[in-house]
Each structure stands twice: as structure tokens, then as C-alpha cells.
């Protein structure tokens, strides 16, 4: 009986005297940095004047903002315009936004086409390969305007190796297209598709590409695991 009593006392002593490891201390530093980045992106997001347009989803914008910030810091983009395309959305919706990041204001929100082999109404498959006729995800720097078969067109330089760096060689450009219109959607129940280019409505193409040409940031988003794991910019 006495032995059991002393055994219990010893057990209680060591239970209270043994230090307990804190889970908070074990958290990786990266988690704290990511939380700070998310907070910064959300702060910017909430300060943007939607200008009577819709806004991209916060999850999409957060990734766009992360890449935009890194590329601006590295000098790979020069202008303060951020063009966001969300290919997780139906092609029948206005899934392209141009945001003036200096003045925190949405300037455009419009239709945009994806590649014909990326999907029908929804884009689900992406490629960096020539002749794939698929869209490529990721971050781009806008290039120069040239006169192509679709009229004034804007060259794009993919900034993510293995994801979209073949864009210029593939002639993936921004251009106008008749099939990017509400009328086409009404006739075919979906937007028309390109050979991989983010094609724009005829009535907006010229003013959009004139605005964003010359090293502004374009981000084409889809929450596919392959891209999320491969990208070094988000």
C-alpha cells in the first residue's frame, strides 16, 4: 500500500516537471512567410476598386500578386499593369481582368479564349509543346505589337521554364477573334477556341494590347496540381 502511494507521488512529480514541447515553436519559418504574403495579397485585393466589374477570386489573385511582386522586384516586368486570366472558369464568363496595380483599379474585365485542345467550355488540359493547340499556364511578360493575320497582335514571352517558355516560338500571342463574342456563345453554347492564344474580342483587342505591351505581367491561372507544384513564382 505504502509502495503504491510513493509510486504515485513519483509519477505525478515527473509529469509536472517534464517540459512540454510547443507546437508553435515547431512551425516552419516558411509557414510564417506564406501567411504574411497571403495577408499582404488580401490587403491589396480588398483595396482594389472593382470599377463596377467583377473581381477575380482571391485564391487566383493571391498567386497572381505573388508572381507579379517577384517579377517586378527582379526587373523582368516594368509596367504596373497585371493581367489575370482564370481558366478554371467557364469560357462563357468574363475571365480576364486587367488591374492597374499602381492605382488599385480594375480597368477591363472581358471574355478570353483558350486553346481548342485544352477543352470545350472549360479548359482542363495545358501544354508548352508546339502544335499542341493548347493553352499554357503561368506568368508571361508582354512583348511588342506586330501586324499579324488577325490584325494587331501582341507577342508574349513565357517566364516559367517547362511551363510556358515556348510561347514565343509557338506564336502564342494576344489577338482579336470573331469567335470571342457573346454572339458566338449564343450560337454555340460556348466561346470559340484558339490554337493556344488568349484571343480577345474584336472591339477591345487594340486598346488592350496598346495598354499592356512592353513588359507588363500576364498570369494565366488554373488550379491544376502539376502547375501549382512546378511553379517557382507562386
C-alpha atoms as a PDB file:
ATOM      1  CA  UNK A   1       0.000   0.000   0.000  1.00  0.00           C
ATOM      2  CA  UNK A   2       2.789   2.423   1.030  1.00  0.00           C
ATOM      3  CA  UNK A   3       4.820   1.441  -2.048  1.00  0.00           C
ATOM      4  CA  UNK A   4       1.862   2.236  -4.312  1.00  0.00           C
ATOM      5  CA  UNK A   5       1.488   5.628  -2.619  1.00  0.00           C
ATOM      6  CA  UNK A   6       5.147   6.612  -3.211  1.00  0.00           C
ATOM      7  CA  UNK A   7       4.982   5.319  -6.784  1.00  0.00           C
ATOM      8  CA  UNK A   8       2.020   7.610  -7.447  1.00  0.00           C
ATOM      9  CA  UNK A   9       3.851  10.602  -5.950  1.00  0.00           C
ATOM     10  CA  UNK A  10       6.943   9.999  -8.111  1.00  0.00           C
ATOM     11  CA  UNK A  11       4.778   9.673 -11.233  1.00  0.00           C
ATOM     12  CA  UNK A  12       2.989  12.953 -10.542  1.00  0.00           C
ATOM     13  CA  UNK A  13       6.287  14.764  -9.871  1.00  0.00           C
ATOM     14  CA  UNK A  14       7.780  13.802 -13.237  1.00  0.00           C
ATOM     15  CA  UNK A  15       4.509  14.508 -15.055  1.00  0.00           C
ATOM     16  CA  UNK A  16       4.539  18.152 -13.924  1.00  0.00           C
ATOM     17  CA  UNK A  17       8.285  18.710 -14.131  1.00  0.00           C
ATOM     18  CA  UNK A  18       8.839  17.326 -17.678  1.00  0.00           C
ATOM     19  CA  UNK A  19       8.925  20.226 -20.164  1.00  0.00           C
ATOM     20  CA  UNK A  20       6.257  20.140 -22.869  1.00  0.00           C
ATOM     21  CA  UNK A  21       7.384  20.937 -26.414  1.00  0.00           C
ATOM     22  CA  UNK A  22       5.441  23.742 -28.011  1.00  0.00           C
ATOM     23  CA  UNK A  23       3.823  23.060 -31.389  1.00  0.00           C
ATOM     24  CA  UNK A  24       4.095  26.766 -32.160  1.00  0.00           C
ATOM     25  CA  UNK A  25       7.876  26.668 -31.889  1.00  0.00           C
ATOM     26  CA  UNK A  26       7.931  23.716 -34.277  1.00  0.00           C
ATOM     27  CA  UNK A  27       6.165  25.593 -37.042  1.00  0.00           C
ATOM     28  CA  UNK A  28       8.474  26.097 -40.042  1.00  0.00           C
ATOM     29  CA  UNK A  29       9.549  29.627 -40.848  1.00  0.00           C
ATOM     30  CA  UNK A  30       8.166  29.185 -44.350  1.00  0.00           C
ATOM     31  CA  UNK A  31       4.629  28.933 -42.976  1.00  0.00           C
ATOM     32  CA  UNK A  32       5.022  32.328 -41.326  1.00  0.00           C
ATOM     33  CA  UNK A  33       6.341  33.866 -44.535  1.00  0.00           C
ATOM     34  CA  UNK A  34       3.476  32.395 -46.541  1.00  0.00           C
ATOM     35  CA  UNK A  35       0.944  33.729 -44.043  1.00  0.00           C
ATOM     36  CA  UNK A  36       2.498  37.206 -44.321  1.00  0.00           C
ATOM     37  CA  UNK A  37       2.374  37.040 -48.141  1.00  0.00           C
ATOM     38  CA  UNK A  38      -1.259  35.944 -48.054  1.00  0.00           C
ATOM     39  CA  UNK A  39      -2.096  38.799 -45.707  1.00  0.00           C
ATOM     40  CA  UNK A  40      -0.371  41.319 -47.991  1.00  0.00           C
ATOM     41  CA  UNK A  41      -2.189  39.985 -51.063  1.00  0.00           C
ATOM     42  CA  UNK A  42      -5.538  40.088 -49.282  1.00  0.00           C
ATOM     43  CA  UNK A  43      -4.914  43.662 -48.156  1.00  0.00           C
ATOM     44  CA  UNK A  44      -4.196  44.738 -51.735  1.00  0.00           C
ATOM     45  CA  UNK A  45      -7.166  42.727 -53.032  1.00  0.00           C
ATOM     46  CA  UNK A  46      -9.552  44.441 -50.622  1.00  0.00           C
ATOM     47  CA  UNK A  47      -8.235  47.869 -51.603  1.00  0.00           C
ATOM     48  CA  UNK A  48      -8.833  47.412 -55.353  1.00  0.00           C
ATOM     49  CA  UNK A  49     -11.596  49.464 -56.937  1.00  0.00           C
ATOM     50  CA  UNK A  50     -13.576  46.934 -58.996  1.00  0.00           C
ATOM     51  CA  UNK A  51     -14.848  49.803 -61.145  1.00  0.00           C
ATOM     52  CA  UNK A  52     -18.297  48.132 -61.476  1.00  0.00           C
ATOM     53  CA  UNK A  53     -16.702  44.932 -62.791  1.00  0.00           C
ATOM     54  CA  UNK A  54     -16.477  41.568 -61.080  1.00  0.00           C
ATOM     55  CA  UNK A  55     -13.221  40.657 -59.335  1.00  0.00           C
ATOM     56  CA  UNK A  56     -11.053  37.552 -59.798  1.00  0.00           C
ATOM     57  CA  UNK A  57     -11.273  35.028 -56.981  1.00  0.00           C
ATOM     58  CA  UNK A  58      -8.971  35.822 -54.053  1.00  0.00           C
ATOM     59  CA  UNK A  59      -7.208  32.446 -54.443  1.00  0.00           C
ATOM     60  CA  UNK A  60      -6.341  33.324 -58.043  1.00  0.00           C
ATOM     61  CA  UNK A  61      -5.347  36.912 -57.257  1.00  0.00           C
ATOM     62  CA  UNK A  62      -3.100  35.822 -54.384  1.00  0.00           C
ATOM     63  CA  UNK A  63      -0.985  33.735 -56.770  1.00  0.00           C
ATOM     64  CA  UNK A  64      -1.018  36.452 -59.408  1.00  0.00           C
ATOM     65  CA  UNK A  65       0.131  39.036 -56.847  1.00  0.00           C
ATOM     66  CA  UNK A  66       2.932  36.781 -55.590  1.00  0.00           C
ATOM     67  CA  UNK A  67       4.379  36.312 -59.070  1.00  0.00           C
ATOM     68  CA  UNK A  68       3.848  39.938 -60.065  1.00  0.00           C
ATOM     69  CA  UNK A  69       5.745  41.104 -56.982  1.00  0.00           C
ATOM     70  CA  UNK A  70       8.691  38.764 -57.581  1.00  0.00           C
ATOM     71  CA  UNK A  71       8.938  39.592 -61.266  1.00  0.00           C
ATOM     72  CA  UNK A  72       8.738  43.333 -60.600  1.00  0.00           C
ATOM     73  CA  UNK A  73      11.478  43.026 -57.983  1.00  0.00           C
ATOM     74  CA  UNK A  74      13.665  41.069 -60.422  1.00  0.00           C
ATOM     75  CA  UNK A  75      13.108  43.627 -63.183  1.00  0.00           C
ATOM     76  CA  UNK A  76      11.502  41.109 -65.531  1.00  0.00           C
ATOM     77  CA  UNK A  77       8.401  43.242 -65.817  1.00  0.00           C
ATOM     78  CA  UNK A  78       8.388  47.036 -65.951  1.00  0.00           C
ATOM     79  CA  UNK A  79       4.789  48.228 -66.020  1.00  0.00           C
ATOM     80  CA  UNK A  80       2.274  48.323 -63.182  1.00  0.00           C
ATOM     81  CA  UNK A  81      -0.468  46.518 -65.099  1.00  0.00           C
ATOM     82  CA  UNK A  82      -1.388  42.991 -64.035  1.00  0.00           C
ATOM     83  CA  UNK A  83      -3.458  40.941 -66.481  1.00  0.00           C
ATOM     84  CA  UNK A  84      -5.117  37.926 -64.873  1.00  0.00           C
ATOM     85  CA  UNK A  85      -6.819  35.094 -66.768  1.00  0.00           C
ATOM     86  CA  UNK A  86      -8.632  32.441 -64.758  1.00  0.00           C
ATOM     87  CA  UNK A  87      -9.035  29.329 -66.895  1.00  0.00           C
ATOM     88  CA  UNK A  88     -10.816  27.477 -64.094  1.00  0.00           C
ATOM     89  CA  UNK A  89     -13.901  29.472 -65.097  1.00  0.00           C
ATOM     90  CA  UNK A  90     -16.312  28.809 -67.955  1.00  0.00           C
ATOM     91  CA  UNK A  91     -15.282  30.335 -71.269  1.00  0.00           C
ATOM     92  CA  UNK A  92     -18.760  31.869 -71.333  1.00  0.00           C
ATOM     93  CA  UNK A  93     -17.796  34.119 -68.420  1.00  0.00           C
ATOM     94  CA  UNK A  94     -15.631  37.225 -68.420  1.00  0.00           C
ATOM     95  CA  UNK A  95     -12.479  35.635 -67.023  1.00  0.00           C
ATOM     96  CA  UNK A  96      -9.809  38.168 -67.985  1.00  0.00           C
ATOM     97  CA  UNK A  97      -9.025  41.170 -65.791  1.00  0.00           C
ATOM     98  CA  UNK A  98      -6.555  43.996 -66.272  1.00  0.00           C
ATOM     99  CA  UNK A  99      -5.674  45.675 -62.997  1.00  0.00           C
ATOM    100  CA  UNK A 100      -3.785  48.928 -62.595  1.00  0.00           C
ATOM    101  CA  UNK A 101      -1.645  47.950 -59.592  1.00  0.00           C
ATOM    102  CA  UNK A 102      -0.355  51.485 -59.098  1.00  0.00           C
ATOM    103  CA  UNK A 103      -3.821  52.967 -58.696  1.00  0.00           C
ATOM    104  CA  UNK A 104      -5.515  49.768 -57.455  1.00  0.00           C
ATOM    105  CA  UNK A 105      -8.265  49.736 -60.053  1.00  0.00           C
ATOM    106  CA  UNK A 106      -9.746  47.196 -62.469  1.00  0.00           C
ATOM    107  CA  UNK A 107      -9.564  48.624 -65.991  1.00  0.00           C
ATOM    108  CA  UNK A 108     -11.006  45.746 -68.021  1.00  0.00           C
ATOM    109  CA  UNK A 109     -12.973  42.556 -67.421  1.00  0.00           C
ATOM    110  CA  UNK A 110     -13.764  40.651 -70.566  1.00  0.00           C
ATOM    111  CA  UNK A 111     -14.016  37.375 -72.457  1.00  0.00           C
ATOM    112  CA  UNK A 112     -10.887  35.462 -73.484  1.00  0.00           C
ATOM    113  CA  UNK A 113     -10.435  32.237 -75.451  1.00  0.00           C
ATOM    114  CA  UNK A 114      -8.403  29.152 -74.585  1.00  0.00           C
ATOM    115  CA  UNK A 115      -6.778  26.626 -76.932  1.00  0.00           C
ATOM    116  CA  UNK A 116      -9.036  24.205 -78.786  1.00  0.00           C
ATOM    117  CA  UNK A 117      -7.275  21.145 -77.359  1.00  0.00           C
ATOM    118  CA  UNK A 118      -7.424  22.490 -73.813  1.00  0.00           C
ATOM    119  CA  UNK A 119     -11.143  21.768 -73.573  1.00  0.00           C
ATOM    120  CA  UNK A 120     -14.584  22.823 -74.754  1.00  0.00           C
ATOM    121  CA  UNK A 121     -16.418  25.246 -72.478  1.00  0.00           C
ATOM    122  CA  UNK A 122     -13.881  24.627 -69.713  1.00  0.00           C
ATOM    123  CA  UNK A 123     -10.113  24.414 -70.125  1.00  0.00           C
ATOM    124  CA  UNK A 124      -8.740  21.317 -68.404  1.00  0.00           C
ATOM    125  CA  UNK A 125      -5.522  20.436 -70.244  1.00  0.00           C
ATOM    126  CA  UNK A 126      -2.445  22.586 -70.863  1.00  0.00           C
ATOM    127  CA  UNK A 127       0.836  22.265 -72.728  1.00  0.00           C
ATOM    128  CA  UNK A 128       4.120  24.006 -73.529  1.00  0.00           C
ATOM    129  CA  UNK A 129       4.615  21.935 -76.681  1.00  0.00           C
ATOM    130  CA  UNK A 130       4.489  23.191 -80.257  1.00  0.00           C
ATOM    131  CA  UNK A 131       1.470  22.127 -82.332  1.00  0.00           C
ATOM    132  CA  UNK A 132      -0.425  21.069 -79.192  1.00  0.00           C
ATOM    133  CA  UNK A 133      -3.093  23.731 -79.801  1.00  0.00           C
ATOM    134  CA  UNK A 134      -3.353  24.016 -76.026  1.00  0.00           C
ATOM    135  CA  UNK A 135      -3.063  26.984 -73.714  1.00  0.00           C
ATOM    136  CA  UNK A 136      -0.055  27.340 -71.424  1.00  0.00           C
ATOM    137  CA  UNK A 137      -0.427  28.405 -67.809  1.00  0.00           C
ATOM    138  CA  UNK A 138       1.809  30.681 -65.765  1.00  0.00           C
ATOM    139  CA  UNK A 139       3.471  34.079 -65.887  1.00  0.00           C
ATOM    140  CA  UNK A 140       4.361  35.985 -69.031  1.00  0.00           C
ATOM    141  CA  UNK A 141       5.952  39.318 -69.887  1.00  0.00           C
ATOM    142  CA  UNK A 142       4.165  41.127 -72.686  1.00  0.00           C
ATOM    143  CA  UNK A 143       6.291  41.916 -75.706  1.00  0.00           C
ATOM    144  CA  UNK A 144       5.861  44.015 -78.812  1.00  0.00           C
ATOM    145  CA  UNK A 145       2.889  44.596 -81.111  1.00  0.00           C
ATOM    146  CA  UNK A 146       3.073  43.383 -84.706  1.00  0.00           C
ATOM    147  CA  UNK A 147       0.674  43.140 -87.616  1.00  0.00           C
ATOM    148  CA  UNK A 148      -0.427  39.507 -87.991  1.00  0.00           C
ATOM    149  CA  UNK A 149      -3.132  37.574 -89.825  1.00  0.00           C
ATOM    150  CA  UNK A 150      -5.579  38.581 -87.084  1.00  0.00           C
ATOM    151  CA  UNK A 151      -4.568  42.241 -87.244  1.00  0.00           C
ATOM    152  CA  UNK A 152      -2.625  43.956 -84.461  1.00  0.00           C
ATOM    153  CA  UNK A 153      -1.270  41.240 -82.158  1.00  0.00           C
ATOM    154  CA  UNK A 154       0.849  41.201 -79.022  1.00  0.00           C
ATOM    155  CA  UNK A 155       3.779  38.825 -78.590  1.00  0.00           C
ATOM    156  CA  UNK A 156       4.184  37.062 -75.242  1.00  0.00           C
ATOM    157  CA  UNK A 157       7.286  35.734 -73.523  1.00  0.00           C
ATOM    158  CA  UNK A 158       6.713  32.852 -71.118  1.00  0.00           C
ATOM    159  CA  UNK A 159       8.748  33.270 -67.932  1.00  0.00           C
ATOM    160  CA  UNK A 160       8.387  29.772 -66.480  1.00  0.00           C
ATOM    161  CA  UNK A 161      10.718  27.135 -67.907  1.00  0.00           C
ATOM    162  CA  UNK A 162       8.997  23.891 -68.787  1.00  0.00           C
ATOM    163  CA  UNK A 163       5.581  25.506 -68.319  1.00  0.00           C
ATOM    164  CA  UNK A 164       5.263  28.295 -70.893  1.00  0.00           C
ATOM    165  CA  UNK A 165       8.767  29.260 -72.067  1.00  0.00           C
ATOM    166  CA  UNK A 166       7.989  28.098 -75.628  1.00  0.00           C
ATOM    167  CA  UNK A 167       5.237  30.709 -76.018  1.00  0.00           C
ATOM    168  CA  UNK A 168       7.098  32.947 -78.459  1.00  0.00           C
ATOM    169  CA  UNK A 169       8.324  30.016 -80.538  1.00  0.00           C
ATOM    170  CA  UNK A 170       4.763  28.644 -80.610  1.00  0.00           C
ATOM    171  CA  UNK A 171       3.440  32.066 -81.706  1.00  0.00           C
ATOM    172  CA  UNK A 172       1.184  32.235 -78.657  1.00  0.00           C
ATOM    173  CA  UNK A 173       0.042  35.861 -78.837  1.00  0.00           C
ATOM    174  CA  UNK A 174      -2.863  38.096 -77.913  1.00  0.00           C
ATOM    175  CA  UNK A 175      -5.027  38.869 -80.930  1.00  0.00           C
ATOM    176  CA  UNK A 176      -8.591  39.686 -81.899  1.00  0.00           C
ATOM    177  CA  UNK A 177     -11.036  36.966 -82.956  1.00  0.00           C
ATOM    178  CA  UNK A 178     -14.637  36.914 -84.201  1.00  0.00           C
ATOM    179  CA  UNK A 179     -15.290  33.832 -82.084  1.00  0.00           C
ATOM    180  CA  UNK A 180     -14.647  35.756 -78.848  1.00  0.00           C
ATOM    181  CA  UNK A 181     -18.087  37.312 -78.512  1.00  0.00           C
ATOM    182  CA  UNK A 182     -21.442  36.976 -76.805  1.00  0.00           C
ATOM    183  CA  UNK A 183     -22.989  36.274 -80.216  1.00  0.00           C
ATOM    184  CA  UNK A 184     -20.768  33.207 -80.698  1.00  0.00           C
ATOM    185  CA  UNK A 185     -21.717  31.958 -77.219  1.00  0.00           C
ATOM    186  CA  UNK A 186     -25.423  32.308 -78.049  1.00  0.00           C
ATOM    187  CA  UNK A 187     -24.990  30.340 -81.269  1.00  0.00           C
ATOM    188  CA  UNK A 188     -22.700  27.562 -79.947  1.00  0.00           C
ATOM    189  CA  UNK A 189     -23.352  27.474 -76.170  1.00  0.00           C
ATOM    190  CA  UNK A 190     -19.677  28.204 -75.565  1.00  0.00           C
ATOM    191  CA  UNK A 191     -16.984  30.643 -76.585  1.00  0.00           C
ATOM    192  CA  UNK A 192     -14.851  29.888 -79.625  1.00  0.00           C
ATOM    193  CA  UNK A 193     -11.371  28.468 -79.184  1.00  0.00           C
ATOM    194  CA  UNK A 194      -7.926  29.404 -80.484  1.00  0.00           C
ATOM    195  CA  UNK A 195      -4.791  27.432 -81.376  1.00  0.00           C
ATOM    196  CA  UNK A 196      -3.438  28.230 -77.914  1.00  0.00           C
ATOM    197  CA  UNK A 197      -3.617  32.020 -77.892  1.00  0.00           C
ATOM    198  CA  UNK A 198      -5.517  34.079 -75.301  1.00  0.00           C
ATOM    199  CA  UNK A 199      -7.670  35.664 -78.020  1.00  0.00           C
ATOM    200  CA  UNK A 200      -9.721  38.797 -77.270  1.00  0.00           C
ATOM    201  CA  UNK A 201     -12.940  40.424 -78.515  1.00  0.00           C
ATOM    202  CA  UNK A 202     -12.541  42.441 -81.707  1.00  0.00           C
ATOM    203  CA  UNK A 203     -13.761  45.660 -80.128  1.00  0.00           C
ATOM    204  CA  UNK A 204     -11.283  45.566 -77.224  1.00  0.00           C
ATOM    205  CA  UNK A 205      -8.162  43.991 -78.669  1.00  0.00           C
ATOM    206  CA  UNK A 206      -6.416  47.096 -79.971  1.00  0.00           C
ATOM    207  CA  UNK A 207      -6.874  49.224 -76.834  1.00  0.00           C
ATOM    208  CA  UNK A 208      -5.934  46.358 -74.521  1.00  0.00           C
ATOM    209  CA  UNK A 209      -2.724  45.362 -76.272  1.00  0.00           C
ATOM    210  CA  UNK A 210      -1.716  49.024 -76.682  1.00  0.00           C
ATOM    211  CA  UNK A 211      -2.082  49.428 -72.926  1.00  0.00           C
ATOM    212  CA  UNK A 212      -0.261  46.319 -71.705  1.00  0.00           C
ATOM    213  CA  UNK A 213       2.518  45.986 -74.328  1.00  0.00           C
ATOM    214  CA  UNK A 214       6.163  46.329 -73.287  1.00  0.00           C
ATOM    215  CA  UNK A 215       6.859  44.124 -70.252  1.00  0.00           C
ATOM    216  CA  UNK A 216       3.691  44.141 -68.231  1.00  0.00           C
ATOM    217  CA  UNK A 217       2.691  40.991 -66.348  1.00  0.00           C
ATOM    218  CA  UNK A 218       0.223  38.412 -67.631  1.00  0.00           C
ATOM    219  CA  UNK A 219      -0.807  35.493 -65.407  1.00  0.00           C
ATOM    220  CA  UNK A 220      -2.841  32.571 -66.768  1.00  0.00           C
ATOM    221  CA  UNK A 221      -4.242  30.535 -63.892  1.00  0.00           C
ATOM    222  CA  UNK A 222      -5.765  27.120 -63.350  1.00  0.00           C
ATOM    223  CA  UNK A 223      -5.583  25.226 -60.034  1.00  0.00           C
ATOM    224  CA  UNK A 224      -4.075  22.118 -61.613  1.00  0.00           C
ATOM    225  CA  UNK A 225      -1.663  20.316 -59.268  1.00  0.00           C
ATOM    226  CA  UNK A 226       1.028  19.980 -61.928  1.00  0.00           C
ATOM    227  CA  UNK A 227       1.305  23.741 -62.291  1.00  0.00           C
ATOM    228  CA  UNK A 228       0.962  24.588 -58.610  1.00  0.00           C
ATOM    229  CA  UNK A 229       3.783  22.169 -57.734  1.00  0.00           C
ATOM    230  CA  UNK A 230       6.057  23.166 -60.633  1.00  0.00           C
ATOM    231  CA  UNK A 231       5.839  26.957 -60.457  1.00  0.00           C
ATOM    232  CA  UNK A 232       8.545  28.839 -58.566  1.00  0.00           C
ATOM    233  CA  UNK A 233       6.641  32.123 -58.701  1.00  0.00           C
ATOM    234  CA  UNK A 234       3.544  31.378 -56.619  1.00  0.00           C
END
